[in-house]
Amino acid sequence: QWELVESGGGLVQVGGSLRLSCAASGSTLDYLTVGWFREAPGKEREGVSCISSSGGSTNYADSVEGRFTVSRDNAKSTVDLQMNSLQPEDTATYYCAASPIISVQDMCVKGLVGYWGQGTQVTVSS
């Protein structure tokens, strides 16, 4: 029922910033836990950051803690991922994910996801 659409990926130099945005086409994200995952070539998809439906709970992977910030604007029905101090190891396809009635830990750590976006490429060049 939810078609997730990501935007904001691209090419950036080391130390630069990008902001990803996720929206639900024809629907709303308001009541969903939403997360960002990434998948680099030859690696498993990993949870980067997740945010609860209210925005009151968040979860970050250790590798991005302090550099990435997840936020949501329920008035606009969007969830953003602000990525600062980007490093080459952040290069990956980033996917928006969503699920109803699930904790940020279950989504980000256990990978329990109901809906996926098609992904947006982030490339960090050195």
PDB file of N, CA and C in Angstrom:
ATOM      1  N   GLN A   1       0.793  -1.204   0.000  1.00  0.00           N
ATOM      2  CA  GLN A   1       0.000   0.000   0.000  1.00  0.00           C
ATOM      3  C   GLN A   1       0.836   1.268   0.000  1.00  0.00           C
ATOM      4  N   TRP A   2       2.109   1.155   0.372  1.00  0.00           N
ATOM      5  CA  TRP A   2       2.968   2.321   0.408  1.00  0.00           C
ATOM      6  C   TRP A   2       4.066   2.210  -0.638  1.00  0.00           C
ATOM      7  N   GLU A   3       4.090   3.134  -1.552  1.00  0.00           N
ATOM      8  CA  GLU A   3       5.167   3.217  -2.518  1.00  0.00           C
ATOM      9  C   GLU A   3       6.128   4.296  -2.043  1.00  0.00           C
ATOM     10  N   LEU A   4       7.319   3.884  -1.644  1.00  0.00           N
ATOM     11  CA  LEU A   4       8.292   4.811  -1.088  1.00  0.00           C
ATOM     12  C   LEU A   4       9.183   5.356  -2.194  1.00  0.00           C
ATOM     13  N   VAL A   5       9.418   6.650  -2.134  1.00  0.00           N
ATOM     14  CA  VAL A   5      10.228   7.310  -3.159  1.00  0.00           C
ATOM     15  C   VAL A   5      11.340   8.084  -2.485  1.00  0.00           C
ATOM     16  N   GLU A   6      12.580   7.748  -2.848  1.00  0.00           N
ATOM     17  CA  GLU A   6      13.742   8.447  -2.295  1.00  0.00           C
ATOM     18  C   GLU A   6      14.217   9.518  -3.278  1.00  0.00           C
ATOM     19  N   SER A   7      14.835  10.544  -2.724  1.00  0.00           N
ATOM     20  CA  SER A   7      15.464  11.574  -3.543  1.00  0.00           C
ATOM     21  C   SER A   7      16.656  12.141  -2.786  1.00  0.00           C
ATOM     22  N   GLY A   8      17.551  12.799  -3.533  1.00  0.00           N
ATOM     23  CA  GLY A   8      18.651  13.505  -2.892  1.00  0.00           C
ATOM     24  C   GLY A   8      20.010  12.851  -2.985  1.00  0.00           C
ATOM     25  N   GLY A   9      20.100  11.685  -3.579  1.00  0.00           N
ATOM     26  CA  GLY A   9      21.407  11.053  -3.731  1.00  0.00           C
ATOM     27  C   GLY A   9      22.259  11.784  -4.744  1.00  0.00           C
ATOM     28  N   GLY A  10      23.520  11.376  -4.844  1.00  0.00           N
ATOM     29  CA  GLY A  10      24.408  11.992  -5.816  1.00  0.00           C
ATOM     30  C   GLY A  10      25.858  11.733  -5.507  1.00  0.00           C
ATOM     31  N   LEU A  11      26.706  12.524  -6.150  1.00  0.00           N
ATOM     32  CA  LEU A  11      28.152  12.411  -5.992  1.00  0.00           C
ATOM     33  C   LEU A  11      28.653  13.567  -5.136  1.00  0.00           C
ATOM     34  N   VAL A  12      29.476  13.254  -4.148  1.00  0.00           N
ATOM     35  CA  VAL A  12      29.998  14.282  -3.254  1.00  0.00           C
ATOM     36  C   VAL A  12      31.434  13.936  -2.896  1.00  0.00           C
ATOM     37  N   GLN A  13      32.218  14.931  -2.597  1.00  0.00           N
ATOM     38  CA  GLN A  13      33.603  14.699  -2.193  1.00  0.00           C
ATOM     39  C   GLN A  13      33.687  14.347  -0.715  1.00  0.00           C
ATOM     40  N   VAL A  14      34.783  13.745  -0.358  1.00  0.00           N
ATOM     41  CA  VAL A  14      35.018  13.387   1.040  1.00  0.00           C
ATOM     42  C   VAL A  14      34.852  14.626   1.930  1.00  0.00           C
ATOM     43  N   GLY A  15      34.126  14.437   3.021  1.00  0.00           N
ATOM     44  CA  GLY A  15      33.879  15.529   3.945  1.00  0.00           C
ATOM     45  C   GLY A  15      32.651  16.347   3.622  1.00  0.00           C
ATOM     46  N   GLY A  16      32.057  16.074   2.493  1.00  0.00           N
ATOM     47  CA  GLY A  16      30.883  16.822   2.079  1.00  0.00           C
ATOM     48  C   GLY A  16      29.607  16.307   2.726  1.00  0.00           C
ATOM     49  N   SER A  17      28.488  16.898   2.315  1.00  0.00           N
ATOM     50  CA  SER A  17      27.185  16.565   2.891  1.00  0.00           C
ATOM     51  C   SER A  17      26.160  16.305   1.796  1.00  0.00           C
ATOM     52  N   LEU A  18      25.201  15.470   2.144  1.00  0.00           N
ATOM     53  CA  LEU A  18      24.037  15.231   1.295  1.00  0.00           C
ATOM     54  C   LEU A  18      22.828  15.064   2.199  1.00  0.00           C
ATOM     55  N   ARG A  19      21.674  15.371   1.644  1.00  0.00           N
ATOM     56  CA  ARG A  19      20.423  15.178   2.383  1.00  0.00           C
ATOM     57  C   ARG A  19      19.501  14.317   1.535  1.00  0.00           C
ATOM     58  N   LEU A  20      19.124  13.170   2.072  1.00  0.00           N
ATOM     59  CA  LEU A  20      18.186  12.278   1.414  1.00  0.00           C
ATOM     60  C   LEU A  20      16.792  12.518   1.960  1.00  0.00           C
ATOM     61  N   SER A  21      15.812  12.326   1.100  1.00  0.00           N
ATOM     62  CA  SER A  21      14.435  12.492   1.528  1.00  0.00           C
ATOM     63  C   SER A  21      13.608  11.294   1.061  1.00  0.00           C
ATOM     64  N   CYS A  22      12.659  10.910   1.885  1.00  0.00           N
ATOM     65  CA  CYS A  22      11.764   9.791   1.560  1.00  0.00           C
ATOM     66  C   CYS A  22      10.327  10.269   1.696  1.00  0.00           C
ATOM     67  N   ALA A  23       9.526   9.938   0.716  1.00  0.00           N
ATOM     68  CA  ALA A  23       8.101  10.253   0.755  1.00  0.00           C
ATOM     69  C   ALA A  23       7.318   9.033   0.287  1.00  0.00           C
ATOM     70  N   ALA A  24       6.044   9.005   0.616  1.00  0.00           N
ATOM     71  CA  ALA A  24       5.172   7.919   0.168  1.00  0.00           C
ATOM     72  C   ALA A  24       4.284   8.446  -0.937  1.00  0.00           C
ATOM     73  N   SER A  25       4.429   7.862  -2.108  1.00  0.00           N
ATOM     74  CA  SER A  25       3.640   8.314  -3.248  1.00  0.00           C
ATOM     75  C   SER A  25       2.182   7.953  -3.062  1.00  0.00           C
ATOM     76  N   GLY A  26       1.320   8.971  -3.062  1.00  0.00           N
ATOM     77  CA  GLY A  26      -0.102   8.724  -2.950  1.00  0.00           C
ATOM     78  C   GLY A  26      -0.577   8.336  -1.572  1.00  0.00           C
ATOM     79  N   SER A  27       0.310   8.454  -0.578  1.00  0.00           N
ATOM     80  CA  SER A  27      -0.091   8.049   0.765  1.00  0.00           C
ATOM     81  C   SER A  27       0.677   8.887   1.780  1.00  0.00           C
ATOM     82  N   THR A  28       0.681   8.456   3.019  1.00  0.00           N
ATOM     83  CA  THR A  28       1.343   9.189   4.080  1.00  0.00           C
ATOM     84  C   THR A  28       2.251   8.274   4.878  1.00  0.00           C
ATOM     85  N   LEU A  29       3.317   8.858   5.415  1.00  0.00           N
ATOM     86  CA  LEU A  29       4.238   8.111   6.273  1.00  0.00           C
ATOM     87  C   LEU A  29       3.923   8.295   7.741  1.00  0.00           C
ATOM     88  N   ASP A  30       2.890   9.074   8.034  1.00  0.00           N
ATOM     89  CA  ASP A  30       2.685   9.560   9.396  1.00  0.00           C
ATOM     90  C   ASP A  30       2.661   8.474  10.459  1.00  0.00           C
ATOM     91  N   TYR A  31       2.091   7.330  10.198  1.00  0.00           N
ATOM     92  CA  TYR A  31       1.895   6.320  11.235  1.00  0.00           C
ATOM     93  C   TYR A  31       2.895   5.177  11.128  1.00  0.00           C
ATOM     94  N   LEU A  32       3.939   5.395  10.371  1.00  0.00           N
ATOM     95  CA  LEU A  32       4.906   4.335  10.122  1.00  0.00           C
ATOM     96  C   LEU A  32       6.252   4.625  10.781  1.00  0.00           C
ATOM     97  N   THR A  33       6.896   3.572  11.241  1.00  0.00           N
ATOM     98  CA  THR A  33       8.318   3.660  11.547  1.00  0.00           C
ATOM     99  C   THR A  33       9.051   3.667  10.209  1.00  0.00           C
ATOM    100  N   VAL A  34       9.983   4.591  10.058  1.00  0.00           N
ATOM    101  CA  VAL A  34      10.683   4.746   8.783  1.00  0.00           C
ATOM    102  C   VAL A  34      12.184   4.645   9.010  1.00  0.00           C
ATOM    103  N   GLY A  35      12.853   4.011   8.096  1.00  0.00           N
ATOM    104  CA  GLY A  35      14.291   3.852   8.248  1.00  0.00           C
ATOM    105  C   GLY A  35      15.040   4.039   6.959  1.00  0.00           C
ATOM    106  N   TRP A  36      16.333   4.194   7.092  1.00  0.00           N
ATOM    107  CA  TRP A  36      17.251   4.247   5.958  1.00  0.00           C
ATOM    108  C   TRP A  36      18.228   3.084   6.072  1.00  0.00           C
ATOM    109  N   PHE A  37      18.348   2.351   4.999  1.00  0.00           N
ATOM    110  CA  PHE A  37      19.288   1.246   4.903  1.00  0.00           C
ATOM    111  C   PHE A  37      20.235   1.550   3.753  1.00  0.00           C
ATOM    112  N   ARG A  38      21.380   0.867   3.737  1.00  0.00           N
ATOM    113  CA  ARG A  38      22.276   1.033   2.600  1.00  0.00           C
ATOM    114  C   ARG A  38      22.898  -0.304   2.242  1.00  0.00           C
ATOM    115  N   GLU A  39      23.253  -0.402   0.981  1.00  0.00           N
ATOM    116  CA  GLU A  39      23.858  -1.623   0.477  1.00  0.00           C
ATOM    117  C   GLU A  39      24.997  -1.245  -0.450  1.00  0.00           C
ATOM    118  N   ALA A  40      26.208  -1.615  -0.051  1.00  0.00           N
ATOM    119  CA  ALA A  40      27.384  -1.377  -0.876  1.00  0.00           C
ATOM    120  C   ALA A  40      27.692  -2.636  -1.676  1.00  0.00           C
ATOM    121  N   PRO A  41      28.369  -2.503  -2.793  1.00  0.00           N
ATOM    122  CA  PRO A  41      28.705  -3.686  -3.611  1.00  0.00           C
ATOM    123  C   PRO A  41      29.442  -4.741  -2.799  1.00  0.00           C
ATOM    124  N   GLY A  42      28.954  -5.970  -2.840  1.00  0.00           N
ATOM    125  CA  GLY A  42      29.601  -7.064  -2.139  1.00  0.00           C
ATOM    126  C   GLY A  42      29.314  -7.131  -0.655  1.00  0.00           C
ATOM    127  N   LYS A  43      28.454  -6.242  -0.168  1.00  0.00           N
ATOM    128  CA  LYS A  43      28.138  -6.225   1.261  1.00  0.00           C
ATOM    129  C   LYS A  43      26.645  -6.422   1.475  1.00  0.00           C
ATOM    130  N   GLU A  44      26.301  -6.841   2.671  1.00  0.00           N
ATOM    131  CA  GLU A  44      24.901  -7.008   3.014  1.00  0.00           C
ATOM    132  C   GLU A  44      24.251  -5.646   3.274  1.00  0.00           C
ATOM    133  N   ARG A  45      22.946  -5.598   3.039  1.00  0.00           N
ATOM    134  CA  ARG A  45      22.216  -4.383   3.357  1.00  0.00           C
ATOM    135  C   ARG A  45      22.215  -4.186   4.873  1.00  0.00           C
ATOM    136  N   GLU A  46      22.463  -2.947   5.287  1.00  0.00           N
ATOM    137  CA  GLU A  46      22.529  -2.661   6.727  1.00  0.00           C
ATOM    138  C   GLU A  46      21.639  -1.483   7.082  1.00  0.00           C
ATOM    139  N   GLY A  47      21.139  -1.516   8.300  1.00  0.00           N
ATOM    140  CA  GLY A  47      20.344  -0.405   8.792  1.00  0.00           C
ATOM    141  C   GLY A  47      21.245   0.761   9.154  1.00  0.00           C
ATOM    142  N   VAL A  48      20.924   1.934   8.647  1.00  0.00           N
ATOM    143  CA  VAL A  48      21.712   3.136   8.913  1.00  0.00           C
ATOM    144  C   VAL A  48      21.068   3.955  10.027  1.00  0.00           C
ATOM    145  N   SER A  49      19.791   4.235   9.883  1.00  0.00           N
ATOM    146  CA  SER A  49      19.090   5.017  10.879  1.00  0.00           C
ATOM    147  C   SER A  49      17.597   4.804  10.725  1.00  0.00           C
ATOM    148  N   CYS A  50      16.897   4.789  11.859  1.00  0.00           N
ATOM    149  CA  CYS A  50      15.452   4.602  11.855  1.00  0.00           C
ATOM    150  C   CYS A  50      14.811   5.587  12.817  1.00  0.00           C
ATOM    151  N   ILE A  51      13.557   5.935  12.535  1.00  0.00           N
ATOM    152  CA  ILE A  51      12.851   6.897  13.366  1.00  0.00           C
ATOM    153  C   ILE A  51      11.423   6.420  13.560  1.00  0.00           C
ATOM    154  N   SER A  52      10.929   6.585  14.775  1.00  0.00           N
ATOM    155  CA  SER A  52       9.571   6.146  15.091  1.00  0.00           C
ATOM    156  C   SER A  52       8.540   7.072  14.456  1.00  0.00           C
ATOM    157  N   SER A  53       7.283   6.652  14.495  1.00  0.00           N
ATOM    158  CA  SER A  53       6.222   7.421  13.845  1.00  0.00           C
ATOM    159  C   SER A  53       6.070   8.817  14.459  1.00  0.00           C
ATOM    160  N   SER A  54       6.316   8.925  15.742  1.00  0.00           N
ATOM    161  CA  SER A  54       6.208  10.232  16.412  1.00  0.00           C
ATOM    162  C   SER A  54       7.483  11.060  16.277  1.00  0.00           C
ATOM    163  N   GLY A  55       8.577  10.398  15.903  1.00  0.00           N
ATOM    164  CA  GLY A  55       9.875  11.060  15.869  1.00  0.00           C
ATOM    165  C   GLY A  55      10.580  11.050  17.207  1.00  0.00           C
ATOM    166  N   GLY A  56       9.950  10.460  18.217  1.00  0.00           N
ATOM    167  CA  GLY A  56      10.519  10.479  19.542  1.00  0.00           C
ATOM    168  C   GLY A  56      11.629   9.473  19.779  1.00  0.00           C
ATOM    169  N   SER A  57      11.715   8.463  18.946  1.00  0.00           N
ATOM    170  CA  SER A  57      12.764   7.447  19.081  1.00  0.00           C
ATOM    171  C   SER A  57      13.534   7.322  17.781  1.00  0.00           C
ATOM    172  N   THR A  58      14.841   7.241  17.929  1.00  0.00           N
ATOM    173  CA  THR A  58      15.697   7.063  16.754  1.00  0.00           C
ATOM    174  C   THR A  58      16.755   6.006  17.044  1.00  0.00           C
ATOM    175  N   ASN A  59      17.325   5.480  15.989  1.00  0.00           N
ATOM    176  CA  ASN A  59      18.391   4.494  16.105  1.00  0.00           C
ATOM    177  C   ASN A  59      19.410   4.777  15.008  1.00  0.00           C
ATOM    178  N   TYR A  60      20.687   4.683  15.357  1.00  0.00           N
ATOM    179  CA  TYR A  60      21.752   4.919  14.387  1.00  0.00           C
ATOM    180  C   TYR A  60      22.762   3.769  14.418  1.00  0.00           C
ATOM    181  N   ALA A  61      23.267   3.427  13.268  1.00  0.00           N
ATOM    182  CA  ALA A  61      24.389   2.500  13.220  1.00  0.00           C
ATOM    183  C   ALA A  61      25.616   3.185  13.818  1.00  0.00           C
ATOM    184  N   ASP A  62      26.476   2.401  14.448  1.00  0.00           N
ATOM    185  CA  ASP A  62      27.671   2.974  15.074  1.00  0.00           C
ATOM    186  C   ASP A  62      28.519   3.748  14.058  1.00  0.00           C
ATOM    187  N   SER A  63      28.542   3.269  12.835  1.00  0.00           N
ATOM    188  CA  SER A  63      29.405   3.854  11.808  1.00  0.00           C
ATOM    189  C   SER A  63      28.963   5.254  11.373  1.00  0.00           C
ATOM    190  N   VAL A  64      27.712   5.627  11.693  1.00  0.00           N
ATOM    191  CA  VAL A  64      27.229   6.943  11.251  1.00  0.00           C
ATOM    192  C   VAL A  64      26.857   7.839  12.423  1.00  0.00           C
ATOM    193  N   GLU A  65      26.891   7.298  13.642  1.00  0.00           N
ATOM    194  CA  GLU A  65      26.531   8.072  14.834  1.00  0.00           C
ATOM    195  C   GLU A  65      27.353   9.357  14.889  1.00  0.00           C
ATOM    196  N   GLY A  66      26.678  10.478  15.080  1.00  0.00           N
ATOM    197  CA  GLY A  66      27.371  11.756  15.166  1.00  0.00           C
ATOM    198  C   GLY A  66      27.574  12.446  13.825  1.00  0.00           C
ATOM    199  N   ARG A  67      27.385  11.717  12.742  1.00  0.00           N
ATOM    200  CA  ARG A  67      27.548  12.321  11.403  1.00  0.00           C
ATOM    201  C   ARG A  67      26.216  12.423  10.656  1.00  0.00           C
ATOM    202  N   PHE A  68      25.337  11.469  10.891  1.00  0.00           N
ATOM    203  CA  PHE A  68      24.051  11.437  10.196  1.00  0.00           C
ATOM    204  C   PHE A  68      22.943  11.802  11.188  1.00  0.00           C
ATOM    205  N   THR A  69      21.915  12.448  10.686  1.00  0.00           N
ATOM    206  CA  THR A  69      20.761  12.795  11.505  1.00  0.00           C
ATOM    207  C   THR A  69      19.486  12.485  10.736  1.00  0.00           C
ATOM    208  N   VAL A  70      18.620  11.701  11.353  1.00  0.00           N
ATOM    209  CA  VAL A  70      17.327  11.389  10.749  1.00  0.00           C
ATOM    210  C   VAL A  70      16.266  12.286  11.367  1.00  0.00           C
ATOM    211  N   SER A  71      15.331  12.728  10.541  1.00  0.00           N
ATOM    212  CA  SER A  71      14.258  13.576  11.036  1.00  0.00           C
ATOM    213  C   SER A  71      13.010  13.332  10.191  1.00  0.00           C
ATOM    214  N   ARG A  72      11.885  13.741  10.725  1.00  0.00           N
ATOM    215  CA  ARG A  72      10.659  13.597   9.960  1.00  0.00           C
ATOM    216  C   ARG A  72       9.796  14.828  10.119  1.00  0.00           C
ATOM    217  N   ASP A  73       9.048  15.106   9.074  1.00  0.00           N
ATOM    218  CA  ASP A  73       8.100  16.210   9.088  1.00  0.00           C
ATOM    219  C   ASP A  73       6.761  15.601   8.718  1.00  0.00           C
ATOM    220  N   ASN A  74       5.953  15.317   9.717  1.00  0.00           N
ATOM    221  CA  ASN A  74       4.683  14.648   9.444  1.00  0.00           C
ATOM    222  C   ASN A  74       3.686  15.563   8.736  1.00  0.00           C
ATOM    223  N   ALA A  75       3.900  16.846   8.814  1.00  0.00           N
ATOM    224  CA  ALA A  75       3.031  17.763   8.073  1.00  0.00           C
ATOM    225  C   ALA A  75       3.266  17.611   6.562  1.00  0.00           C
ATOM    226  N   LYS A  76       4.512  17.350   6.204  1.00  0.00           N
ATOM    227  CA  LYS A  76       4.863  17.136   4.802  1.00  0.00           C
ATOM    228  C   LYS A  76       4.898  15.657   4.455  1.00  0.00           C
ATOM    229  N   SER A  77       4.809  14.812   5.475  1.00  0.00           N
ATOM    230  CA  SER A  77       4.896  13.364   5.310  1.00  0.00           C
ATOM    231  C   SER A  77       6.203  12.966   4.627  1.00  0.00           C
ATOM    232  N   THR A  78       7.296  13.464   5.166  1.00  0.00           N
ATOM    233  CA  THR A  78       8.612  13.120   4.644  1.00  0.00           C
ATOM    234  C   THR A  78       9.538  12.733   5.794  1.00  0.00           C
ATOM    235  N   VAL A  79      10.524  11.920   5.473  1.00  0.00           N
ATOM    236  CA  VAL A  79      11.574  11.553   6.420  1.00  0.00           C
ATOM    237  C   VAL A  79      12.902  11.814   5.725  1.00  0.00           C
ATOM    238  N   ASP A  80      13.736  12.601   6.360  1.00  0.00           N
ATOM    239  CA  ASP A  80      15.008  12.994   5.775  1.00  0.00           C
ATOM    240  C   ASP A  80      16.187  12.365   6.512  1.00  0.00           C
ATOM    241  N   LEU A  81      17.272  12.195   5.795  1.00  0.00           N
ATOM    242  CA  LEU A  81      18.525  11.750   6.386  1.00  0.00           C
ATOM    243  C   LEU A  81      19.595  12.756   5.992  1.00  0.00           C
ATOM    244  N   GLN A  82      20.038  13.538   6.960  1.00  0.00           N
ATOM    245  CA  GLN A  82      21.106  14.503   6.738  1.00  0.00           C
ATOM    246  C   GLN A  82      22.436  13.796   6.973  1.00  0.00           C
ATOM    247  N   MET A  83      23.274  13.784   5.962  1.00  0.00           N
ATOM    248  CA  MET A  83      24.536  13.064   6.053  1.00  0.00           C
ATOM    249  C   MET A  83      25.690  14.067   5.932  1.00  0.00           C
ATOM    250  N   ASN A  84      26.466  14.176   6.991  1.00  0.00           N
ATOM    251  CA  ASN A  84      27.605  15.086   7.029  1.00  0.00           C
ATOM    252  C   ASN A  84      28.907  14.309   7.146  1.00  0.00           C
ATOM    253  N   SER A  85      30.001  14.985   6.860  1.00  0.00           N
ATOM    254  CA  SER A  85      31.337  14.375   6.961  1.00  0.00           C
ATOM    255  C   SER A  85      31.386  13.030   6.244  1.00  0.00           C
ATOM    256  N   LEU A  86      30.906  13.017   5.029  1.00  0.00           N
ATOM    257  CA  LEU A  86      30.816  11.768   4.286  1.00  0.00           C
ATOM    258  C   LEU A  86      32.194  11.224   3.949  1.00  0.00           C
ATOM    259  N   GLN A  87      32.286   9.903   4.016  1.00  0.00           N
ATOM    260  CA  GLN A  87      33.528   9.188   3.767  1.00  0.00           C
ATOM    261  C   GLN A  87      33.338   8.192   2.618  1.00  0.00           C
ATOM    262  N   PRO A  88      34.408   7.750   1.996  1.00  0.00           N
ATOM    263  CA  PRO A  88      34.260   6.779   0.891  1.00  0.00           C
ATOM    264  C   PRO A  88      33.479   5.537   1.295  1.00  0.00           C
ATOM    265  N   GLU A  89      33.616   5.127   2.540  1.00  0.00           N
ATOM    266  CA  GLU A  89      32.904   3.923   2.994  1.00  0.00           C
ATOM    267  C   GLU A  89      31.403   4.144   3.121  1.00  0.00           C
ATOM    268  N   ASP A  90      30.948   5.365   2.964  1.00  0.00           N
ATOM    269  CA  ASP A  90      29.511   5.646   2.955  1.00  0.00           C
ATOM    270  C   ASP A  90      28.912   5.437   1.568  1.00  0.00           C
ATOM    271  N   THR A  91      29.753   5.202   0.581  1.00  0.00           N
ATOM    272  CA  THR A  91      29.270   4.959  -0.773  1.00  0.00           C
ATOM    273  C   THR A  91      28.410   3.703  -0.802  1.00  0.00           C
ATOM    274  N   ALA A  92      27.185   3.859  -1.289  1.00  0.00           N
ATOM    275  CA  ALA A  92      26.234   2.739  -1.313  1.00  0.00           C
ATOM    276  C   ALA A  92      24.943   3.198  -1.975  1.00  0.00           C
ATOM    277  N   THR A  93      24.078   2.237  -2.221  1.00  0.00           N
ATOM    278  CA  THR A  93      22.704   2.567  -2.572  1.00  0.00           C
ATOM    279  C   THR A  93      21.928   2.664  -1.277  1.00  0.00           C
ATOM    280  N   TYR A  94      21.243   3.772  -1.098  1.00  0.00           N
ATOM    281  CA  TYR A  94      20.486   4.014   0.132  1.00  0.00           C
ATOM    282  C   TYR A  94      19.004   3.785  -0.143  1.00  0.00           C
ATOM    283  N   TYR A  95      18.388   3.013   0.745  1.00  0.00           N
ATOM    284  CA  TYR A  95      16.988   2.648   0.592  1.00  0.00           C
ATOM    285  C   TYR A  95      16.165   3.193   1.752  1.00  0.00           C
ATOM    286  N   CYS A  96      15.016   3.743   1.432  1.00  0.00           N
ATOM    287  CA  CYS A  96      14.027   4.090   2.441  1.00  0.00           C
ATOM    288  C   CYS A  96      13.201   2.842   2.742  1.00  0.00           C
ATOM    289  N   ALA A  97      12.863   2.664   4.012  1.00  0.00           N
ATOM    290  CA  ALA A  97      12.086   1.505   4.436  1.00  0.00           C
ATOM    291  C   ALA A  97      11.012   1.956   5.409  1.00  0.00           C
ATOM    292  N   ALA A  98       9.933   1.211   5.474  1.00  0.00           N
ATOM    293  CA  ALA A  98       8.852   1.585   6.376  1.00  0.00           C
ATOM    294  C   ALA A  98       8.096   0.355   6.846  1.00  0.00           C
ATOM    295  N   SER A  99       7.580   0.455   8.045  1.00  0.00           N
ATOM    296  CA  SER A  99       6.728  -0.584   8.595  1.00  0.00           C
ATOM    297  C   SER A  99       5.786   0.023   9.616  1.00  0.00           C
ATOM    298  N   PRO A 100       4.592  -0.494   9.710  1.00  0.00           N
ATOM    299  CA  PRO A 100       3.690  -0.059  10.784  1.00  0.00           C
ATOM    300  C   PRO A 100       3.968  -0.857  12.062  1.00  0.00           C
ATOM    301  N   ILE A 101       3.727  -0.253  13.186  1.00  0.00           N
ATOM    302  CA  ILE A 101       3.723  -0.919  14.490  1.00  0.00           C
ATOM    303  C   ILE A 101       5.003  -1.733  14.728  1.00  0.00           C
ATOM    304  N   ILE A 102       6.141  -1.056  14.635  1.00  0.00           N
ATOM    305  CA  ILE A 102       7.404  -1.736  14.865  1.00  0.00           C
ATOM    306  C   ILE A 102       8.367  -0.752  15.516  1.00  0.00           C
ATOM    307  N   SER A 103       9.236  -1.261  16.382  1.00  0.00           N
ATOM    308  CA  SER A 103      10.186  -0.380  17.049  1.00  0.00           C
ATOM    309  C   SER A 103      11.345  -0.047  16.112  1.00  0.00           C
ATOM    310  N   VAL A 104      12.043   1.028  16.437  1.00  0.00           N
ATOM    311  CA  VAL A 104      13.208   1.407  15.621  1.00  0.00           C
ATOM    312  C   VAL A 104      14.295   0.350  15.715  1.00  0.00           C
ATOM    313  N   GLN A 105      14.386  -0.314  16.867  1.00  0.00           N
ATOM    314  CA  GLN A 105      15.381  -1.368  17.024  1.00  0.00           C
ATOM    315  C   GLN A 105      15.038  -2.577  16.157  1.00  0.00           C
ATOM    316  N   ASP A 106      13.775  -2.973  16.155  1.00  0.00           N
ATOM    317  CA  ASP A 106      13.375  -4.112  15.327  1.00  0.00           C
ATOM    318  C   ASP A 106      13.604  -3.836  13.850  1.00  0.00           C
ATOM    319  N   MET A 107      13.394  -2.582  13.452  1.00  0.00           N
ATOM    320  CA  MET A 107      13.621  -2.266  12.053  1.00  0.00           C
ATOM    321  C   MET A 107      15.101  -2.175  11.742  1.00  0.00           C
ATOM    322  N   CYS A 108      15.815  -1.345  12.446  1.00  0.00           N
ATOM    323  CA  CYS A 108      17.206  -1.055  12.090  1.00  0.00           C
ATOM    324  C   CYS A 108      18.154  -2.196  12.429  1.00  0.00           C
ATOM    325  N   VAL A 109      17.943  -2.844  13.550  1.00  0.00           N
ATOM    326  CA  VAL A 109      18.881  -3.881  13.996  1.00  0.00           C
ATOM    327  C   VAL A 109      18.488  -5.247  13.453  1.00  0.00           C
ATOM    328  N   LYS A 110      17.194  -5.559  13.519  1.00  0.00           N
ATOM    329  CA  LYS A 110      16.747  -6.878  13.058  1.00  0.00           C
ATOM    330  C   LYS A 110      16.367  -6.876  11.576  1.00  0.00           C
ATOM    331  N   GLY A 111      16.233  -5.679  11.001  1.00  0.00           N
ATOM    332  CA  GLY A 111      15.919  -5.629   9.577  1.00  0.00           C
ATOM    333  C   GLY A 111      14.498  -6.003   9.236  1.00  0.00           C
ATOM    334  N   LEU A 112      13.574  -5.771  10.181  1.00  0.00           N
ATOM    335  CA  LEU A 112      12.176  -6.103   9.934  1.00  0.00           C
ATOM    336  C   LEU A 112      11.524  -4.941   9.197  1.00  0.00           C
ATOM    337  N   VAL A 113      11.284  -5.130   7.920  1.00  0.00           N
ATOM    338  CA  VAL A 113      10.794  -4.056   7.054  1.00  0.00           C
ATOM    339  C   VAL A 113       9.618  -4.566   6.229  1.00  0.00           C
ATOM    340  N   GLY A 114       8.574  -3.730   6.159  1.00  0.00           N
ATOM    341  CA  GLY A 114       7.410  -4.105   5.361  1.00  0.00           C
ATOM    342  C   GLY A 114       7.463  -3.575   3.945  1.00  0.00           C
ATOM    343  N   TYR A 115       8.020  -2.383   3.773  1.00  0.00           N
ATOM    344  CA  TYR A 115       8.023  -1.726   2.472  1.00  0.00           C
ATOM    345  C   TYR A 115       9.392  -1.118   2.205  1.00  0.00           C
ATOM    346  N   TRP A 116       9.802  -1.232   0.942  1.00  0.00           N
ATOM    347  CA  TRP A 116      11.094  -0.691   0.518  1.00  0.00           C
ATOM    348  C   TRP A 116      10.909   0.294  -0.628  1.00  0.00           C
ATOM    349  N   GLY A 117      11.773   1.300  -0.644  1.00  0.00           N
ATOM    350  CA  GLY A 117      11.877   2.155  -1.813  1.00  0.00           C
ATOM    351  C   GLY A 117      12.820   1.511  -2.821  1.00  0.00           C
ATOM    352  N   GLN A 118      12.984   2.164  -3.955  1.00  0.00           N
ATOM    353  CA  GLN A 118      13.821   1.601  -5.011  1.00  0.00           C
ATOM    354  C   GLN A 118      15.285   1.964  -4.861  1.00  0.00           C
ATOM    355  N   GLY A 119      15.587   2.899  -3.991  1.00  0.00           N
ATOM    356  CA  GLY A 119      16.975   3.223  -3.710  1.00  0.00           C
ATOM    357  C   GLY A 119      17.483   4.431  -4.459  1.00  0.00           C
ATOM    358  N   THR A 120      18.468   5.083  -3.847  1.00  0.00           N
ATOM    359  CA  THR A 120      19.148   6.216  -4.467  1.00  0.00           C
ATOM    360  C   THR A 120      20.652   6.066  -4.209  1.00  0.00           C
ATOM    361  N   GLN A 121      21.440   6.342  -5.215  1.00  0.00           N
ATOM    362  CA  GLN A 121      22.875   6.124  -5.116  1.00  0.00           C
ATOM    363  C   GLN A 121      23.565   7.302  -4.455  1.00  0.00           C
ATOM    364  N   VAL A 122      24.440   6.978  -3.519  1.00  0.00           N
ATOM    365  CA  VAL A 122      25.312   7.976  -2.898  1.00  0.00           C
ATOM    366  C   VAL A 122      26.746   7.538  -3.158  1.00  0.00           C
ATOM    367  N   THR A 123      27.518   8.407  -3.786  1.00  0.00           N
ATOM    368  CA  THR A 123      28.907   8.106  -4.078  1.00  0.00           C
ATOM    369  C   THR A 123      29.778   9.194  -3.479  1.00  0.00           C
ATOM    370  N   VAL A 124      30.738   8.777  -2.659  1.00  0.00           N
ATOM    371  CA  VAL A 124      31.657   9.709  -2.021  1.00  0.00           C
ATOM    372  C   VAL A 124      33.025   9.497  -2.656  1.00  0.00           C
ATOM    373  N   SER A 125      33.524  10.523  -3.306  1.00  0.00           N
ATOM    374  CA  SER A 125      34.802  10.396  -4.010  1.00  0.00           C
ATOM    375  C   SER A 125      35.931  11.000  -3.194  1.00  0.00           C
ATOM    376  N   SER A 126      37.080  10.374  -3.315  1.00  0.00           N
ATOM    377  CA  SER A 126      38.254  10.878  -2.611  1.00  0.00           C
ATOM    378  C   SER A 126      39.211  11.560  -3.591  1.00  0.00           C
TER     379      SER A 126
END
